[in-house]
Amino acid sequence: MLILRLLVPLLLFIVPAGAQVVYTGIETSVFSNSTAHVSITMTFSSSGEKEFGIPVYYRVSNLKTSSNFQSASCRLEYPDYGSQILCKANPGQVKREMKIEFDVASVKNVNGAYLFKFDYYIPMDTNSLWVRVSLPEGMVLVRNHTAFQPYSPPDGVKTTDGRRIFVSWTRSNVTSGDIFSVQVVYESTTRYSEFPVYLFAFGILVVLALFGFRAVKSRDMKILFPILKSDEKLVMEILLRHGGRANQKTIVSESNYSKAKISKVLKSLEERGLVRLERIGRTNKVYISGDYKKLLKSSKPEKKE
């Protein structure tokens, strides 16, 4: 059955002889509602008319096509195995870049974790292939899952911009018709944080007791807040130093950031449930909220001399 599933799109696939692509970039953003947005960018190595098909083993929606040349279009068909994207392109001598975008529902809930699995079909011989999967905000790769590794193929590179986690792969000299299969397994930061908070809470409280609630080192912050930006970590460190609560003016003063900068950082932290703001007069009182309160439950602020 699997062999037939792979042969069907191959029979439908049309590529003129000698058609080549210098670069194919496939970026997939996974969203919390279990859908994913796929964006395929192709840079052709030559001009002239090209026709090609891209099979997708899910039902595709919201198909869009754009290019830096005039003649580029794609249409959808729905065979038994899912969807078939059929495209025509006529790149020029200089402008040869085309982008194909679409949405698919390709995320499954497995034993409390989320599984994204996708077979990327390479429609033309490609000198360089780059594939990246972006997790939803507030999600992290699974750890110690009994059934799954965090991502596959295992040579993926994990990065983050402070809000989302990315896994990317690169390949060279990929042949038309190859299938690049990707699997990423992730879970909510809330579920992830419960384990380390309970596991490390006792040790952190001992440290706080011994050192009078001095600032938590950056390596501890990485354990607790693995995807925070540097400015967000600094704000959380200031709050920890003050027993989990501080005036917004104090945070501005100790961070050396502007009022506008701190307001923006606090708004982001509040939206993700990490802090709570209480309006007092012309300023805000800022409190650590959520599971991170447990770190401060039996501790006292540092006494200033």
Protein backbone atom coordinates (compact mmCIF):
# COMPACT_ATOMS: atom_id res chain seq x y z
CA MET A 1 0.00 0.00 0.00
CA LEU A 2 2.85 2.39 0.87
CA ILE A 3 4.53 1.65 -2.47
CA LEU A 4 1.34 2.49 -4.33
CA ARG A 5 0.97 5.66 -2.29
CA LEU A 6 4.39 6.82 -3.44
CA LEU A 7 4.01 5.67 -7.06
CA VAL A 8 0.76 7.52 -7.72
CA PRO A 9 2.25 11.05 -7.47
CA LEU A 10 5.29 9.94 -9.46
CA LEU A 11 3.05 8.94 -12.36
CA LEU A 12 1.34 12.33 -12.23
CA PHE A 13 4.59 14.25 -11.96
CA ILE A 14 5.70 16.12 -15.11
CA VAL A 15 9.15 17.68 -15.46
CA PRO A 16 10.78 18.69 -18.75
CA ALA A 17 14.26 17.30 -19.37
CA GLY A 18 17.08 19.40 -17.95
CA ALA A 19 14.87 21.42 -15.58
CA GLN A 20 16.93 22.37 -12.53
CA VAL A 21 16.58 24.42 -9.36
CA VAL A 22 19.47 26.19 -7.68
CA TYR A 23 17.75 26.42 -4.31
CA THR A 24 14.63 25.03 -2.67
CA GLY A 25 13.66 26.37 0.75
CA ILE A 26 10.74 24.82 2.61
CA GLU A 27 9.61 26.62 5.76
CA THR A 28 6.76 25.23 7.85
CA SER A 29 5.15 27.12 10.72
CA VAL A 30 3.12 24.87 13.02
CA PHE A 31 0.26 26.55 14.88
CA SER A 32 -1.48 25.70 18.14
CA ASN A 33 -4.71 24.73 16.35
CA SER A 34 -2.93 21.70 14.82
CA THR A 35 -2.55 23.25 11.38
CA ALA A 36 0.68 24.08 9.60
CA HIS A 37 1.54 26.71 7.01
CA VAL A 38 4.01 25.48 4.38
CA SER A 39 6.00 27.92 2.26
CA ILE A 40 8.13 26.56 -0.61
CA THR A 41 10.58 28.93 -2.31
CA MET A 42 12.26 27.77 -5.53
CA THR A 43 15.02 29.56 -7.43
CA PHE A 44 15.28 28.17 -10.97
CA SER A 45 18.67 27.78 -12.61
CA SER A 46 17.42 28.64 -16.10
CA SER A 47 14.65 30.45 -17.92
CA GLY A 48 11.90 28.82 -19.98
CA GLU A 49 8.56 27.16 -19.33
CA LYS A 50 8.39 24.53 -16.61
CA GLU A 51 5.56 22.31 -15.37
CA PHE A 52 5.73 20.29 -12.18
CA GLY A 53 3.58 18.67 -9.54
CA ILE A 54 3.86 18.45 -5.76
CA PRO A 55 1.89 15.66 -4.04
CA VAL A 56 0.83 16.29 -0.44
CA TYR A 57 -0.54 13.45 1.68
CA TYR A 58 -3.02 15.76 3.43
CA ARG A 59 -5.85 17.94 2.19
CA VAL A 60 -4.36 21.28 1.18
CA SER A 61 -6.18 24.58 1.66
CA ASN A 62 -5.43 28.28 1.07
CA LEU A 63 -3.07 27.68 -1.84
CA LYS A 64 -1.19 30.82 -2.93
CA THR A 65 1.43 31.38 -5.61
CA SER A 66 3.78 34.34 -6.08
CA SER A 67 6.95 35.04 -8.05
CA ASN A 68 9.29 37.83 -9.11
CA PHE A 69 8.42 37.04 -12.74
CA GLN A 70 5.02 37.37 -14.40
CA SER A 71 4.07 33.87 -15.46
CA ALA A 72 3.61 31.55 -12.44
CA SER A 73 0.48 29.72 -11.33
CA CYS A 74 -0.62 26.64 -9.38
CA ARG A 75 -3.88 24.76 -9.05
CA LEU A 76 -5.17 22.02 -6.76
CA GLU A 77 -6.47 18.54 -7.42
CA TYR A 78 -7.66 16.09 -4.77
CA PRO A 79 -6.70 12.47 -5.59
CA ASP A 80 -7.29 9.62 -3.14
CA TYR A 81 -3.97 10.05 -1.32
CA GLY A 82 -4.57 13.72 -0.40
CA SER A 83 -3.75 16.66 -2.65
CA GLN A 84 -1.82 17.38 -5.82
CA ILE A 85 -0.43 20.87 -6.50
CA LEU A 86 0.08 21.34 -10.26
CA CYS A 87 2.21 24.34 -11.25
CA LYS A 88 3.34 26.17 -14.36
CA ALA A 89 6.18 28.67 -14.37
CA ASN A 90 8.04 30.62 -17.01
CA PRO A 91 10.98 32.34 -15.29
CA GLY A 92 13.03 34.92 -17.17
CA GLN A 93 16.74 35.32 -17.64
CA VAL A 94 17.19 37.28 -14.40
CA LYS A 95 14.05 36.91 -12.26
CA ARG A 96 13.59 33.25 -11.39
CA GLU A 97 12.17 32.97 -7.86
CA MET A 98 8.76 31.40 -7.16
CA LYS A 99 6.93 30.83 -3.88
CA ILE A 100 4.14 28.32 -3.20
CA GLU A 101 2.20 28.53 0.09
CA PHE A 102 -0.56 26.37 1.55
CA ASP A 103 -2.10 25.14 4.81
CA VAL A 104 -2.48 21.55 6.03
CA ALA A 105 -3.85 19.91 9.18
CA SER A 106 -0.87 17.69 9.94
CA VAL A 107 -0.47 17.60 13.75
CA LYS A 108 -1.60 14.71 15.95
CA ASN A 109 -1.90 14.44 19.74
CA VAL A 110 0.03 11.37 20.92
CA ASN A 111 0.21 10.50 24.64
CA GLY A 112 0.01 14.11 25.74
CA ALA A 113 2.57 15.33 23.18
CA TYR A 114 2.09 16.79 19.70
CA LEU A 115 3.43 15.03 16.62
CA PHE A 116 4.13 16.90 13.39
CA LYS A 117 5.02 14.58 10.53
CA PHE A 118 5.38 15.61 6.92
CA ASP A 119 6.76 14.13 3.69
CA TYR A 120 8.25 16.94 1.59
CA TYR A 121 8.26 15.95 -2.08
CA ILE A 122 11.10 17.53 -4.08
CA PRO A 123 9.62 18.46 -7.49
CA MET A 124 12.88 19.21 -9.36
CA ASP A 125 16.59 18.45 -9.18
CA THR A 126 17.88 20.86 -6.56
CA ASN A 127 21.44 21.94 -5.86
CA SER A 128 20.64 23.08 -2.32
CA LEU A 129 17.69 22.14 -0.08
CA TRP A 130 16.84 23.86 3.21
CA VAL A 131 13.93 22.70 5.39
CA ARG A 132 12.81 24.37 8.63
CA VAL A 133 9.95 23.61 11.04
CA SER A 134 8.85 26.29 13.53
CA LEU A 135 7.03 25.19 16.69
CA PRO A 136 4.05 27.15 18.04
CA GLU A 137 4.80 29.80 20.66
CA GLY A 138 4.81 28.31 24.15
CA MET A 139 5.90 24.87 22.91
CA VAL A 140 9.18 23.03 23.45
CA LEU A 141 10.65 19.81 22.04
CA VAL A 142 9.81 16.74 24.12
CA ARG A 143 12.35 15.28 26.53
CA ASN A 144 12.58 11.66 27.63
CA HIS A 145 9.50 10.60 25.67
CA THR A 146 9.15 6.83 25.68
CA ALA A 147 7.98 6.54 22.07
CA PHE A 148 9.54 9.46 20.16
CA GLN A 149 12.75 11.38 19.69
CA PRO A 150 12.36 15.19 19.64
CA TYR A 151 12.97 15.34 15.89
CA SER A 152 13.95 13.27 12.87
CA PRO A 153 16.20 13.15 10.83
CA PRO A 154 18.55 13.38 13.84
CA ASP A 155 20.99 15.80 12.15
CA GLY A 156 18.53 18.68 12.50
CA VAL A 157 19.78 21.91 14.06
CA LYS A 158 17.72 23.43 16.90
CA THR A 159 17.59 27.23 17.28
CA THR A 160 15.27 29.82 18.86
CA ASP A 161 14.45 33.51 18.52
CA GLY A 162 13.33 33.70 22.16
CA ARG A 163 9.69 33.01 21.37
CA ARG A 164 9.61 30.02 19.06
CA ILE A 165 11.85 26.99 18.62
CA PHE A 166 13.03 26.00 15.14
CA VAL A 167 14.52 22.79 13.76
CA SER A 168 16.24 22.95 10.37
CA TRP A 169 17.97 20.59 7.94
CA THR A 170 20.11 21.13 4.84
CA ARG A 171 20.86 18.82 1.94
CA SER A 172 22.87 19.12 -1.30
CA ASN A 173 22.22 17.78 -4.80
CA VAL A 174 18.72 16.43 -4.17
CA THR A 175 17.14 14.49 -7.01
CA SER A 176 13.70 15.14 -8.48
CA GLY A 177 11.15 12.81 -6.92
CA ASP A 178 13.03 12.40 -3.61
CA ILE A 179 10.94 12.58 -0.45
CA PHE A 180 12.39 14.32 2.59
CA SER A 181 10.47 13.02 5.63
CA VAL A 182 10.45 15.15 8.78
CA GLN A 183 9.06 14.41 12.23
CA VAL A 184 8.98 16.83 15.18
CA VAL A 185 7.47 16.03 18.60
CA TYR A 186 6.74 18.83 21.05
CA GLU A 187 4.76 19.72 24.16
CA SER A 188 3.51 22.76 26.05
CA THR A 189 5.95 24.76 28.18
CA THR A 190 3.41 24.49 31.00
CA ARG A 191 3.67 20.71 30.96
CA TYR A 192 7.44 20.94 30.51
CA SER A 193 7.91 23.44 33.32
CA GLU A 194 6.05 21.40 35.93
CA PHE A 195 8.77 18.74 35.98
CA PRO A 196 11.84 20.97 36.34
CA VAL A 197 10.10 23.31 38.79
CA TYR A 198 9.29 20.51 41.22
CA LEU A 199 12.61 18.80 40.60
CA PHE A 200 14.80 21.85 41.13
CA ALA A 201 12.66 23.90 43.54
CA PHE A 202 14.27 22.47 46.68
CA GLY A 203 17.80 23.04 45.41
CA ILE A 204 17.04 26.57 44.29
CA LEU A 205 15.45 27.44 47.63
CA VAL A 206 18.58 26.19 49.41
CA VAL A 207 20.68 28.46 47.21
CA LEU A 208 18.38 31.38 47.89
CA ALA A 209 18.58 30.76 51.64
CA LEU A 210 22.39 30.53 51.60
CA PHE A 211 22.98 33.57 49.44
CA GLY A 212 20.21 35.88 50.62
CA PHE A 213 18.14 35.80 47.46
CA ARG A 214 20.94 36.95 45.17
CA ALA A 215 20.27 36.97 41.44
CA VAL A 216 19.71 33.57 39.93
CA LYS A 217 22.52 32.73 37.51
CA SER A 218 21.80 32.70 33.81
CA ARG A 219 22.25 28.92 33.60
CA ASP A 220 19.43 28.45 36.17
CA MET A 221 17.23 30.80 34.18
CA LYS A 222 17.82 28.68 31.09
CA ILE A 223 16.48 25.65 32.95
CA LEU A 224 13.34 27.51 33.99
CA PHE A 225 12.81 29.75 30.99
CA PRO A 226 14.34 27.96 27.98
CA ILE A 227 12.88 30.21 25.31
CA LEU A 228 12.99 33.69 26.89
CA LYS A 229 14.86 36.52 25.21
CA SER A 230 17.82 38.10 27.02
CA ASP A 231 15.83 41.20 28.03
CA GLU A 232 12.99 39.02 29.37
CA LYS A 233 15.44 36.93 31.38
CA LEU A 234 16.92 40.09 32.89
CA VAL A 235 13.49 41.28 34.02
CA MET A 236 12.74 37.89 35.60
CA GLU A 237 16.12 37.95 37.36
CA ILE A 238 15.33 41.38 38.82
CA LEU A 239 11.97 40.10 40.06
CA LEU A 240 13.61 37.06 41.65
CA ARG A 241 16.15 39.32 43.31
CA HIS A 242 13.30 41.28 44.88
CA GLY A 243 11.35 38.27 46.13
CA GLY A 244 9.18 37.85 43.06
CA ARG A 245 7.71 41.35 43.09
CA ALA A 246 8.95 44.84 42.29
CA ASN A 247 7.74 48.22 41.10
CA GLN A 248 8.05 48.83 37.39
CA LYS A 249 10.24 51.86 38.15
CA THR A 250 12.67 49.60 40.01
CA ILE A 251 12.90 47.28 37.01
CA VAL A 252 13.59 50.25 34.71
CA SER A 253 16.30 51.53 37.05
CA GLU A 254 18.10 48.21 37.57
CA SER A 255 17.86 47.05 33.96
CA ASN A 256 19.14 50.31 32.42
CA TYR A 257 16.42 49.91 29.78
CA SER A 258 14.02 52.70 28.81
CA LYS A 259 10.49 52.89 30.21
CA ALA A 260 9.07 52.02 26.79
CA LYS A 261 11.35 48.99 26.49
CA ILE A 262 10.37 47.62 29.92
CA SER A 263 6.67 48.20 29.21
CA LYS A 264 6.99 46.15 26.03
CA VAL A 265 8.87 43.33 27.77
CA LEU A 266 6.38 43.20 30.66
CA LYS A 267 3.44 43.13 28.27
CA SER A 268 4.94 40.12 26.50
CA LEU A 269 5.61 38.31 29.80
CA GLU A 270 2.11 39.08 31.05
CA GLU A 271 0.50 37.73 27.86
CA ARG A 272 2.31 34.42 28.40
CA GLY A 273 1.30 34.21 32.06
CA LEU A 274 4.80 34.64 33.51
CA VAL A 275 4.08 37.89 35.35
CA ARG A 276 1.08 39.75 36.73
CA LEU A 277 0.76 43.54 36.71
CA GLU A 278 -1.11 45.51 39.36
CA ARG A 279 -1.75 49.21 38.78
CA ILE A 280 -0.71 51.34 41.77
CA GLY A 281 -0.95 55.09 41.23
CA ARG A 282 1.11 56.04 38.18
CA THR A 283 3.15 52.85 38.06
CA ASN A 284 2.73 49.09 38.12
CA LYS A 285 3.58 46.54 40.73
CA VAL A 286 4.96 43.48 38.94
CA TYR A 287 4.62 39.95 40.35
CA ILE A 288 5.94 36.62 39.13
CA SER A 289 2.91 34.42 38.45
CA GLY A 290 2.06 30.88 37.44
CA ASP A 291 4.21 27.87 38.33
CA TYR A 292 7.21 30.09 38.96
CA LYS A 293 5.70 31.26 42.26
CA LYS A 294 6.76 27.93 43.71
CA LEU A 295 10.38 29.08 43.59
CA LEU A 296 9.60 31.90 46.01
CA LYS A 297 7.07 30.24 48.30
CA SER A 298 9.27 29.97 51.40
CA SER A 299 11.85 32.63 50.61
CA LYS A 300 12.25 36.24 51.68
CA PRO A 301 13.59 39.23 49.75
CA GLU A 302 17.18 40.24 50.14
CA LYS A 303 17.76 42.66 52.99
CA LYS A 304 19.40 45.83 51.82
CA GLU A 305 22.04 47.38 54.05
